[in-house]
Amino acid sequence: MNEDFPGSAATSRQPELLVSAVLHLMSHYTVSSTQNNAQEEAEQARTRLASVIERHLQVLADLPELAPVLKATCQQLSEQWANLIEKKSVQESKARRLGWLLTTRRRNLSV
């Protein structure tokens, strides 16, 4: 069983709970994209939320009692979310490096 999900033994007997949870998380991901928070913090929170969604989908895909069509769908969606997370992580890394570079240049210019 997956150590990332405490109580996952109970959840594996009720995959509906995991489906419900992942749909709820996906709705929060969509809602968070429309709110105006501090840009960097909001993007980091969205990346973390995307990661949780991806893990839930992977757990669903690994459940032996799930119907084959649902397993395949969850696996495919998990891979798509993983790609999104990877792209966001690269973008965030570039933004941090750019921010660091700009801060360093400003300090050097003011000296």
C-alpha atoms as a PDB file:
ATOM      1  CA  MET A   1       0.000   0.000   0.000  1.00  0.00           C
ATOM      2  CA  ASN A   2       1.118   3.616  -0.523  1.00  0.00           C
ATOM      3  CA  GLU A   3       2.787   5.272   2.483  1.00  0.00           C
ATOM      4  CA  ASP A   4       1.975   8.736   1.097  1.00  0.00           C
ATOM      5  CA  PHE A   5      -1.680   8.210   1.991  1.00  0.00           C
ATOM      6  CA  PRO A   6      -2.386   7.351   5.625  1.00  0.00           C
ATOM      7  CA  GLY A   7      -5.463   5.177   5.806  1.00  0.00           C
ATOM      8  CA  SER A   8      -5.040   4.153   2.179  1.00  0.00           C
ATOM      9  CA  ALA A   9      -6.123   0.595   3.042  1.00  0.00           C
ATOM     10  CA  ALA A  10      -9.586   1.930   3.879  1.00  0.00           C
ATOM     11  CA  THR A  11      -9.561   4.094   0.751  1.00  0.00           C
ATOM     12  CA  SER A  12      -8.672   1.141  -1.468  1.00  0.00           C
ATOM     13  CA  ARG A  13     -11.908  -0.495  -0.339  1.00  0.00           C
ATOM     14  CA  GLN A  14     -13.779   2.670  -1.336  1.00  0.00           C
ATOM     15  CA  PRO A  15     -12.216   4.133  -4.467  1.00  0.00           C
ATOM     16  CA  GLU A  16     -15.177   6.501  -4.645  1.00  0.00           C
ATOM     17  CA  LEU A  17     -13.603   8.460  -1.771  1.00  0.00           C
ATOM     18  CA  LEU A  18     -10.402   8.949  -3.766  1.00  0.00           C
ATOM     19  CA  VAL A  19     -12.345   9.951  -6.878  1.00  0.00           C
ATOM     20  CA  SER A  20     -14.326  12.440  -4.814  1.00  0.00           C
ATOM     21  CA  ALA A  21     -11.158  13.834  -3.251  1.00  0.00           C
ATOM     22  CA  VAL A  22      -9.319  14.249  -6.550  1.00  0.00           C
ATOM     23  CA  LEU A  23     -12.311  15.961  -8.165  1.00  0.00           C
ATOM     24  CA  HIS A  24     -12.483  18.310  -5.182  1.00  0.00           C
ATOM     25  CA  LEU A  25      -8.754  19.066  -5.474  1.00  0.00           C
ATOM     26  CA  MET A  26      -9.075  19.691  -9.213  1.00  0.00           C
ATOM     27  CA  SER A  27     -11.839  22.213  -8.589  1.00  0.00           C
ATOM     28  CA  HIS A  28      -9.592  24.033  -6.108  1.00  0.00           C
ATOM     29  CA  TYR A  29      -6.802  24.082  -8.686  1.00  0.00           C
ATOM     30  CA  THR A  30      -9.141  25.750 -11.172  1.00  0.00           C
ATOM     31  CA  VAL A  31     -10.487  28.246  -8.625  1.00  0.00           C
ATOM     32  CA  SER A  32      -7.000  29.182  -7.434  1.00  0.00           C
ATOM     33  CA  SER A  33      -6.045  30.189 -10.973  1.00  0.00           C
ATOM     34  CA  THR A  34      -8.713  32.904 -10.950  1.00  0.00           C
ATOM     35  CA  GLN A  35      -7.760  34.491  -7.633  1.00  0.00           C
ATOM     36  CA  ASN A  36      -5.260  37.348  -7.441  1.00  0.00           C
ATOM     37  CA  ASN A  37      -2.734  36.387  -4.768  1.00  0.00           C
ATOM     38  CA  ALA A  38       0.942  37.213  -4.711  1.00  0.00           C
ATOM     39  CA  GLN A  39       2.040  35.752  -8.055  1.00  0.00           C
ATOM     40  CA  GLU A  40       5.007  33.681  -6.882  1.00  0.00           C
ATOM     41  CA  GLU A  41       3.248  32.281  -3.804  1.00  0.00           C
ATOM     42  CA  ALA A  42       0.141  31.451  -5.829  1.00  0.00           C
ATOM     43  CA  GLU A  43       2.162  29.566  -8.445  1.00  0.00           C
ATOM     44  CA  GLN A  44       4.018  27.579  -5.790  1.00  0.00           C
ATOM     45  CA  ALA A  45       0.723  26.667  -4.115  1.00  0.00           C
ATOM     46  CA  ARG A  46      -0.751  25.615  -7.473  1.00  0.00           C
ATOM     47  CA  THR A  47       2.288  23.432  -8.174  1.00  0.00           C
ATOM     48  CA  ARG A  48       1.927  21.728  -4.781  1.00  0.00           C
ATOM     49  CA  LEU A  49      -1.788  21.212  -5.397  1.00  0.00           C
ATOM     50  CA  ALA A  50      -1.065  19.767  -8.846  1.00  0.00           C
ATOM     51  CA  SER A  51       1.377  17.362  -7.203  1.00  0.00           C
ATOM     52  CA  VAL A  52      -1.281  16.166  -4.749  1.00  0.00           C
ATOM     53  CA  ILE A  53      -3.755  15.707  -7.614  1.00  0.00           C
ATOM     54  CA  GLU A  54      -1.183  13.684  -9.558  1.00  0.00           C
ATOM     55  CA  ARG A  55      -0.515  11.423  -6.550  1.00  0.00           C
ATOM     56  CA  HIS A  56      -4.230  10.807  -5.999  1.00  0.00           C
ATOM     57  CA  LEU A  57      -4.670   9.872  -9.653  1.00  0.00           C
ATOM     58  CA  GLN A  58      -1.692   7.508  -9.472  1.00  0.00           C
ATOM     59  CA  VAL A  59      -3.089   5.793  -6.376  1.00  0.00           C
ATOM     60  CA  LEU A  60      -6.406   5.358  -8.193  1.00  0.00           C
ATOM     61  CA  ALA A  61      -4.636   3.944 -11.248  1.00  0.00           C
ATOM     62  CA  ASP A  62      -2.883   1.399  -9.020  1.00  0.00           C
ATOM     63  CA  LEU A  63      -6.067   0.091  -7.367  1.00  0.00           C
ATOM     64  CA  PRO A  64      -6.620  -3.495  -8.514  1.00  0.00           C
ATOM     65  CA  GLU A  65     -10.400  -3.387  -8.105  1.00  0.00           C
ATOM     66  CA  LEU A  66     -10.918  -0.299 -10.253  1.00  0.00           C
ATOM     67  CA  ALA A  67     -12.516  -0.881 -13.640  1.00  0.00           C
ATOM     68  CA  PRO A  68      -9.938  -1.055 -16.453  1.00  0.00           C
ATOM     69  CA  VAL A  69     -11.288   2.033 -18.224  1.00  0.00           C
ATOM     70  CA  LEU A  70     -11.017   4.071 -14.997  1.00  0.00           C
ATOM     71  CA  LYS A  71      -7.525   2.727 -14.282  1.00  0.00           C
ATOM     72  CA  ALA A  72      -6.390   3.738 -17.772  1.00  0.00           C
ATOM     73  CA  THR A  73      -7.998   7.161 -17.490  1.00  0.00           C
ATOM     74  CA  CYS A  74      -6.437   7.806 -14.080  1.00  0.00           C
ATOM     75  CA  GLN A  75      -3.034   6.673 -15.353  1.00  0.00           C
ATOM     76  CA  GLN A  76      -3.268   8.938 -18.381  1.00  0.00           C
ATOM     77  CA  LEU A  77      -4.404  11.916 -16.290  1.00  0.00           C
ATOM     78  CA  SER A  78      -1.668  11.241 -13.743  1.00  0.00           C
ATOM     79  CA  GLU A  79       0.930  11.424 -16.514  1.00  0.00           C
ATOM     80  CA  GLN A  80      -0.566  14.671 -17.827  1.00  0.00           C
ATOM     81  CA  TRP A  81      -0.501  16.239 -14.356  1.00  0.00           C
ATOM     82  CA  ALA A  82       3.091  15.032 -13.887  1.00  0.00           C
ATOM     83  CA  ASN A  83       4.055  16.800 -17.133  1.00  0.00           C
ATOM     84  CA  LEU A  84       2.333  19.974 -15.949  1.00  0.00           C
ATOM     85  CA  ILE A  85       4.205  19.807 -12.628  1.00  0.00           C
ATOM     86  CA  GLU A  86       7.516  19.335 -14.429  1.00  0.00           C
ATOM     87  CA  LYS A  87       6.873  22.351 -16.685  1.00  0.00           C
ATOM     88  CA  LYS A  88       5.815  24.507 -13.735  1.00  0.00           C
ATOM     89  CA  SER A  89       8.879  23.461 -11.744  1.00  0.00           C
ATOM     90  CA  VAL A  90      11.160  24.449 -14.614  1.00  0.00           C
ATOM     91  CA  GLN A  91       9.359  27.798 -14.986  1.00  0.00           C
ATOM     92  CA  GLU A  92       9.577  28.475 -11.249  1.00  0.00           C
ATOM     93  CA  SER A  93      13.267  27.598 -11.254  1.00  0.00           C
ATOM     94  CA  LYS A  94      13.922  29.973 -14.147  1.00  0.00           C
ATOM     95  CA  ALA A  95      11.929  32.721 -12.434  1.00  0.00           C
ATOM     96  CA  ARG A  96      13.923  32.264  -9.200  1.00  0.00           C
ATOM     97  CA  ARG A  97      17.221  32.413 -11.103  1.00  0.00           C
ATOM     98  CA  LEU A  98      16.079  35.494 -13.007  1.00  0.00           C
ATOM     99  CA  GLY A  99      14.933  37.124  -9.771  1.00  0.00           C
ATOM    100  CA  TRP A 100      18.271  36.372  -8.164  1.00  0.00           C
ATOM    101  CA  LEU A 101      20.133  37.761 -11.182  1.00  0.00           C
ATOM    102  CA  LEU A 102      18.045  40.955 -11.240  1.00  0.00           C
ATOM    103  CA  THR A 103      18.495  41.456  -7.499  1.00  0.00           C
ATOM    104  CA  THR A 104      22.254  40.976  -7.836  1.00  0.00           C
ATOM    105  CA  ARG A 105      22.433  43.446 -10.756  1.00  0.00           C
ATOM    106  CA  ARG A 106      20.422  46.043  -8.823  1.00  0.00           C
ATOM    107  CA  ARG A 107      22.759  45.698  -5.844  1.00  0.00           C
ATOM    108  CA  ASN A 108      25.801  46.046  -8.096  1.00  0.00           C
ATOM    109  CA  LEU A 109      24.342  49.104  -9.842  1.00  0.00           C
ATOM    110  CA  SER A 110      23.561  50.833  -6.570  1.00  0.00           C
ATOM    111  CA  VAL A 111      27.094  50.395  -5.275  1.00  0.00           C
END
